[in-house]
Protein backbone atom coordinates (compact mmCIF):
# COMPACT_ATOMS: atom_id res chain seq x y z
CA MET A 1 22.99 -15.26 -30.11
CA ARG A 2 20.83 -16.11 -27.72
CA GLY A 3 18.37 -19.00 -27.37
CA ALA A 4 15.23 -18.29 -26.07
CA PRO A 5 14.26 -17.28 -22.77
CA ASP A 6 13.84 -20.73 -20.52
CA PRO A 7 10.23 -21.21 -19.74
CA GLN A 8 10.66 -22.82 -16.42
CA LYS A 9 13.25 -19.76 -15.39
CA LEU A 10 10.22 -18.08 -16.49
CA TYR A 11 7.40 -20.02 -14.53
CA GLN A 12 9.53 -19.45 -11.64
CA GLN A 13 9.61 -15.74 -12.14
CA VAL A 14 5.67 -14.67 -12.15
CA ALA A 15 5.41 -17.88 -9.21
CA ARG A 16 7.27 -15.74 -7.45
CA SER A 17 6.01 -12.09 -8.55
CA ILE A 18 2.27 -13.66 -7.28
CA ALA A 19 3.83 -15.41 -3.79
CA ALA A 20 5.52 -11.97 -2.61
CA SER A 21 1.82 -10.24 -3.51
CA ILE A 22 0.11 -13.52 -1.33
CA ALA A 23 3.00 -12.47 1.36
CA GLU A 24 2.03 -9.07 0.62
CA GLY A 25 -1.50 -9.28 1.95
CA ARG A 26 -2.35 -8.09 -2.39
CA TYR A 27 -4.58 -11.51 -1.86
CA ALA A 28 -5.76 -12.87 1.14
CA PRO A 29 -6.61 -15.27 2.51
CA GLY A 30 -9.95 -16.83 -0.23
CA ASP A 31 -9.28 -14.51 -1.80
CA ARG A 32 -9.60 -15.67 -6.06
CA LEU A 33 -6.74 -14.71 -7.97
CA PRO A 34 -7.76 -13.19 -11.52
CA SER A 35 -8.09 -15.82 -14.74
CA GLU A 36 -4.94 -18.08 -16.04
CA ARG A 37 -5.79 -15.49 -19.55
CA GLY A 38 -5.77 -11.99 -17.42
CA LEU A 39 -2.99 -13.08 -15.14
CA ALA A 40 -1.00 -14.05 -19.22
CA ASP A 41 -2.17 -10.77 -19.96
CA SER A 42 -0.78 -8.73 -17.28
CA PHE A 43 2.57 -10.81 -17.25
CA GLY A 44 2.78 -10.38 -21.18
CA VAL A 45 3.78 -14.55 -20.93
CA SER A 46 1.90 -17.37 -22.22
CA ARG A 47 -1.39 -19.38 -20.46
CA PRO A 48 0.68 -22.80 -20.45
CA THR A 49 3.19 -20.69 -18.37
CA ILE A 50 0.83 -19.23 -16.23
CA ARG A 51 -0.92 -22.53 -15.81
CA ASP A 52 2.37 -24.07 -14.44
CA ALA A 53 2.98 -21.25 -12.22
CA MET A 54 -0.13 -22.12 -10.24
CA ILE A 55 1.14 -25.98 -9.94
CA ALA A 56 4.57 -24.72 -8.39
CA LEU A 57 2.39 -21.87 -5.78
CA GLU A 58 -0.04 -24.78 -5.46
CA PHE A 59 2.67 -28.18 -4.68
CA GLN A 60 3.77 -23.99 -2.21
CA GLY A 61 0.52 -24.88 -0.21
CA LEU A 62 -0.36 -21.28 -0.21
CA VAL A 63 -2.98 -22.06 -3.92
CA GLU A 64 -5.84 -24.41 -4.26
CA ALA A 65 -7.65 -25.02 -7.92
CA ARG A 66 -10.87 -25.63 -7.47
CA GLN A 67 -12.82 -27.04 -9.90
CA GLY A 68 -14.78 -24.40 -12.36
CA SER A 69 -14.06 -21.99 -9.88
CA GLY A 70 -11.05 -20.58 -10.78
CA VAL A 71 -7.87 -20.64 -8.29
CA TYR A 72 -7.35 -19.28 -4.93
CA VAL A 73 -5.58 -18.15 -2.06
CA THR A 74 -4.99 -20.88 0.62
CA ALA A 75 -1.78 -19.02 3.51
CA PRO A 76 -0.39 -15.76 3.56
CA GLY A 77 2.98 -17.90 3.49
CA ALA A 78 6.83 -16.11 3.07
CA VAL A 79 8.25 -16.33 -0.80
CA GLU A 80 9.91 -19.52 -1.67
CA LYS A 81 13.87 -17.83 -1.64
CA ASP A 82 16.74 -19.92 -3.75
CA PRO A 83 19.19 -20.12 -0.98
CA SER A 84 21.44 -18.97 -3.14
CA GLU A 85 19.87 -15.37 -3.98
CA ALA A 86 21.13 -12.67 -1.87
CA GLU A 87 19.08 -10.54 -0.21
CA VAL A 88 18.88 -6.91 -1.77
CA SER A 89 18.79 -3.95 0.03
CA ALA A 90 16.17 -1.11 -0.94
CA LEU A 91 19.74 0.50 -1.42
CA GLU A 92 20.78 -2.21 -3.52
CA LEU A 93 17.49 -1.61 -6.07
CA THR A 94 17.41 2.05 -5.70
CA GLU A 95 21.30 1.94 -7.44
CA ALA A 96 20.14 -0.38 -9.90
CA ARG A 97 16.77 1.67 -10.09
CA ARG A 98 19.04 4.77 -11.13
CA LEU A 99 21.06 3.09 -13.76
CA PHE A 100 18.56 0.54 -15.81
CA GLU A 101 14.92 3.47 -15.14
CA GLY A 102 17.45 6.82 -15.62
CA GLU A 103 18.52 5.61 -19.63
CA ALA A 104 15.00 4.06 -19.73
CA CYS A 105 13.55 7.90 -18.54
CA ALA A 106 15.77 9.72 -21.32
CA LEU A 107 15.07 7.00 -24.22
CA ALA A 108 10.83 7.12 -23.36
CA ALA A 109 11.54 11.02 -23.47
CA ALA A 110 12.50 10.53 -27.31
CA ALA A 111 10.14 8.37 -28.38
CA ILE A 112 6.85 8.91 -25.84
CA GLU A 113 3.03 8.84 -27.81
CA ASP A 114 1.01 10.93 -27.12
CA GLU A 115 -1.43 9.09 -25.27
CA GLN A 116 0.97 7.39 -23.27
CA ILE A 117 1.07 10.22 -21.94
CA ALA A 118 -1.92 11.16 -21.29
CA ALA A 119 -2.03 7.66 -19.44
CA LEU A 120 0.96 9.05 -16.72
CA GLU A 121 -0.69 12.26 -16.22
CA ARG A 122 -3.50 9.83 -15.08
CA MET A 123 -1.63 7.74 -13.08
CA VAL A 124 -0.19 10.91 -11.59
CA ARG A 125 -3.04 12.75 -10.27
CA ASP A 126 -4.15 9.38 -8.96
CA LEU A 127 -0.27 8.55 -6.70
CA THR A 128 -1.56 13.04 -5.26
CA ARG A 129 -4.33 11.30 -3.77
CA HIS A 130 -2.65 7.53 -3.38
CA ALA A 131 0.49 8.08 -2.49
CA GLY A 132 1.08 7.92 1.19
CA GLY A 133 -1.85 4.53 0.94
CA GLU A 134 -1.12 0.72 -0.89
CA GLU A 135 -2.51 2.01 -3.24
CA GLY A 136 0.44 4.20 -4.70
CA GLU A 137 1.94 1.65 -4.68
CA ARG A 138 0.72 -0.24 -7.44
CA VAL A 139 0.76 2.54 -9.26
CA GLU A 140 4.02 3.64 -8.58
CA HIS A 141 5.15 0.54 -10.06
CA ASP A 142 2.63 1.24 -12.97
CA PHE A 143 4.52 4.51 -13.84
CA HIS A 144 7.72 3.42 -14.63
CA LEU A 145 7.08 -0.01 -16.52
CA ALA A 146 4.70 2.72 -18.17
CA VAL A 147 7.33 4.33 -18.79
CA ALA A 148 10.11 0.98 -19.88
CA HIS A 149 6.76 0.69 -22.67
CA ALA A 150 7.94 4.03 -23.53
CA THR A 151 11.56 3.28 -25.06
CA ARG A 152 9.38 0.33 -27.10
CA ASN A 153 12.13 -1.64 -26.30
CA ALA A 154 10.96 -4.99 -25.17
CA ALA A 155 14.83 -5.62 -22.53
CA ILE A 156 14.43 -2.91 -21.03
CA VAL A 157 10.26 -3.38 -20.42
CA ALA A 158 12.02 -6.78 -18.61
CA ALA A 159 14.75 -5.32 -16.97
CA VAL A 160 12.22 -2.55 -15.49
CA GLU A 161 9.93 -4.95 -14.35
CA GLU A 162 12.02 -8.00 -13.30
CA ILE A 163 13.23 -5.40 -10.97
CA TRP A 164 9.95 -4.37 -9.04
CA ILE A 165 10.04 -8.45 -9.25
CA LEU A 166 13.14 -8.46 -6.38
CA ARG A 167 11.51 -5.93 -4.42
CA ARG A 168 8.37 -7.06 -4.20
CA GLN A 169 10.58 -11.06 -3.75
CA PHE A 170 12.37 -9.22 -0.58
CA ALA A 171 10.22 -8.20 2.05
CA ASP A 172 12.63 -5.69 4.15
CA CYS A 173 13.35 -4.13 1.21
CA ALA A 174 10.14 -2.98 -0.25
CA LYS A 175 8.59 -2.66 3.75
CA ALA A 176 11.69 0.24 3.66
CA LEU A 177 11.35 1.83 0.41
CA ARG A 178 7.23 1.80 1.13
CA ARG A 179 8.26 3.52 4.67
CA VAL A 180 9.96 6.50 2.87
CA ARG A 181 6.43 7.16 0.02
CA PHE A 182 4.72 7.04 3.95
CA ALA A 183 7.71 10.14 4.55
CA ALA A 184 6.83 12.42 2.13
CA PRO A 185 3.87 11.68 0.10
CA ASP A 186 3.45 15.56 -1.28
CA ALA A 187 6.90 15.05 -2.72
CA PHE A 188 6.93 11.50 -4.67
CA ALA A 189 3.47 12.84 -5.79
CA ASP A 190 5.28 15.11 -7.36
CA ASP A 191 8.61 14.13 -7.99
CA HIS A 192 7.21 11.55 -10.64
CA ARG A 193 5.20 15.13 -12.17
CA ARG A 194 7.69 16.28 -13.01
CA ILE A 195 9.13 13.01 -14.74
CA VAL A 196 6.11 13.20 -17.08
CA ASP A 197 6.80 17.07 -17.85
CA ALA A 198 9.93 16.34 -18.84
CA LEU A 199 8.82 13.60 -20.90
CA ARG A 200 5.76 15.33 -22.80
CA ALA A 201 8.71 18.07 -23.36
CA ARG A 202 10.11 15.12 -24.98
CA ASP A 203 13.80 16.56 -23.21
CA PRO A 204 15.62 12.85 -22.40
CA LYS A 205 18.11 15.19 -20.06
CA ASP A 206 15.52 16.73 -18.76
CA ALA A 207 13.49 13.35 -18.26
CA ARG A 208 16.94 11.35 -17.21
CA ARG A 209 17.59 14.30 -14.01
CA ALA A 210 13.85 14.10 -13.11
CA ILE A 211 13.90 10.63 -12.58
CA HIS A 212 17.63 11.25 -11.37
CA ASP A 213 16.63 13.22 -8.54
CA HIS A 214 13.36 10.83 -7.15
CA LEU A 215 15.47 8.96 -6.57
CA ASN A 216 18.17 10.60 -5.12
CA ARG A 217 15.02 11.82 -3.17
CA THR A 218 14.62 8.53 -2.04
CA VAL A 219 18.38 6.84 -1.21
CA GLU A 220 18.60 10.41 1.36
CA VAL A 221 14.80 9.22 3.14
CA LEU A 222 16.32 5.85 3.27
CA LEU A 223 19.61 6.92 5.33
CA SER A 224 18.57 9.38 7.09
CA MET A 225 15.47 6.52 7.86
CA ALA A 226 18.32 3.94 8.94
CA GLU A 227 20.09 6.35 11.12
CA ARG A 228 16.53 7.15 13.19
CA ASP A 229 15.81 2.99 13.07
CA ALA A 230 20.13 2.99 14.78
CA LEU A 231 19.89 5.78 17.23
CA GLU A 232 16.85 4.36 19.15
CA ARG A 233 17.64 0.83 19.04
CA THR A 234 21.61 2.51 20.70
CA ARG A 235 18.54 3.68 23.13
CA ARG A 236 16.59 0.89 23.49
CA GLU A 237 19.74 -1.03 24.12
CA MET A 238 20.51 1.87 26.92
CA ALA A 239 17.37 1.76 28.93
CA ASP A 240 18.01 -1.57 28.96
CA ARG A 241 20.74 -1.65 30.67
CA ARG A 242 20.24 0.48 33.13
CA ASP A 243 17.84 -0.86 34.33
CA GLU A 244 19.49 -4.36 34.53
CA LEU A 245 22.07 -2.38 36.99
CA LEU A 246 19.50 -0.29 38.77
CA ARG A 247 18.33 -4.26 39.34
CA ARG A 248 21.54 -5.56 40.08
CA THR A 249 22.60 -2.71 42.82
CA ALA A 250 19.10 -3.10 44.68
CA ILE A 251 20.19 -6.88 45.65
C-alpha cells in the first residue's frame, strides 16, 4: 500500500510551478500573487503547503511577503532546477501527453457530465478567439485539466497536472510548444472542438483518436520547425564562413 504523498515534495512542486509562471512573465515584478486560499484551491493542496512554497520562493529571491498586504513578485528569476533533473524536450513531453491524455480522454468520454461538456465548449470558444495569444496557453491548460477531472480519478488528474508543470518548468520546451500554437491557431482550435464533439457523443474510441490526432499534428509541426531552424542555422554558418573567406582573400 502506498503511503501518503511526501509533503516536502508537494510544496516543492507548487514552488516550481509558481517560479515557472514568474519566469514566463505571467507574474511580473511588483505583481501580487493570488491569496493563500486562492492558491491552495488552484493547486488542490493545503494552505500550510502554500505557505511552505512561499517560503521557498522567498528564499530564492523571487517573492517577498508584505505584512497585511500579501506576497509580491520581486524578480523575474529563472526556474530553479534540481541538478539531477534532465531537460525535457517538447517532443518527449508530447509523447508523454499522447500516452496519458489519450487514455484519460477515452475514460472521460464514459464518465463526463453535461455541465463539464458545457464548460469545455466555452473553453473552445475562448481558444477560437485566443489560440495564437498568451491567453490561449492558459485556456489550453484549463481545457486538458478539465478533461482529466471528468475521469473522476484523482491519480489521473495529478499525472496530467504534473506533465503540464514540466511544460512550464523547461523554458525551451514551453517556447517550442508556444510556437506550435502560434503557427496554426485555427487548426489548434479545431482540434479541441473535435475532442469536445467526441466527448459529447460519449465515444471513448473517437475521443482517444481526437486527442491523438491533435498531438500527432503537434509532433509534425515540431519536426517541421526543427528542420527549418536547422536549415537557417546552416545558412547563417555558411554565410559567416563565406564572409570570413572573402576577408582573408582580400588581405
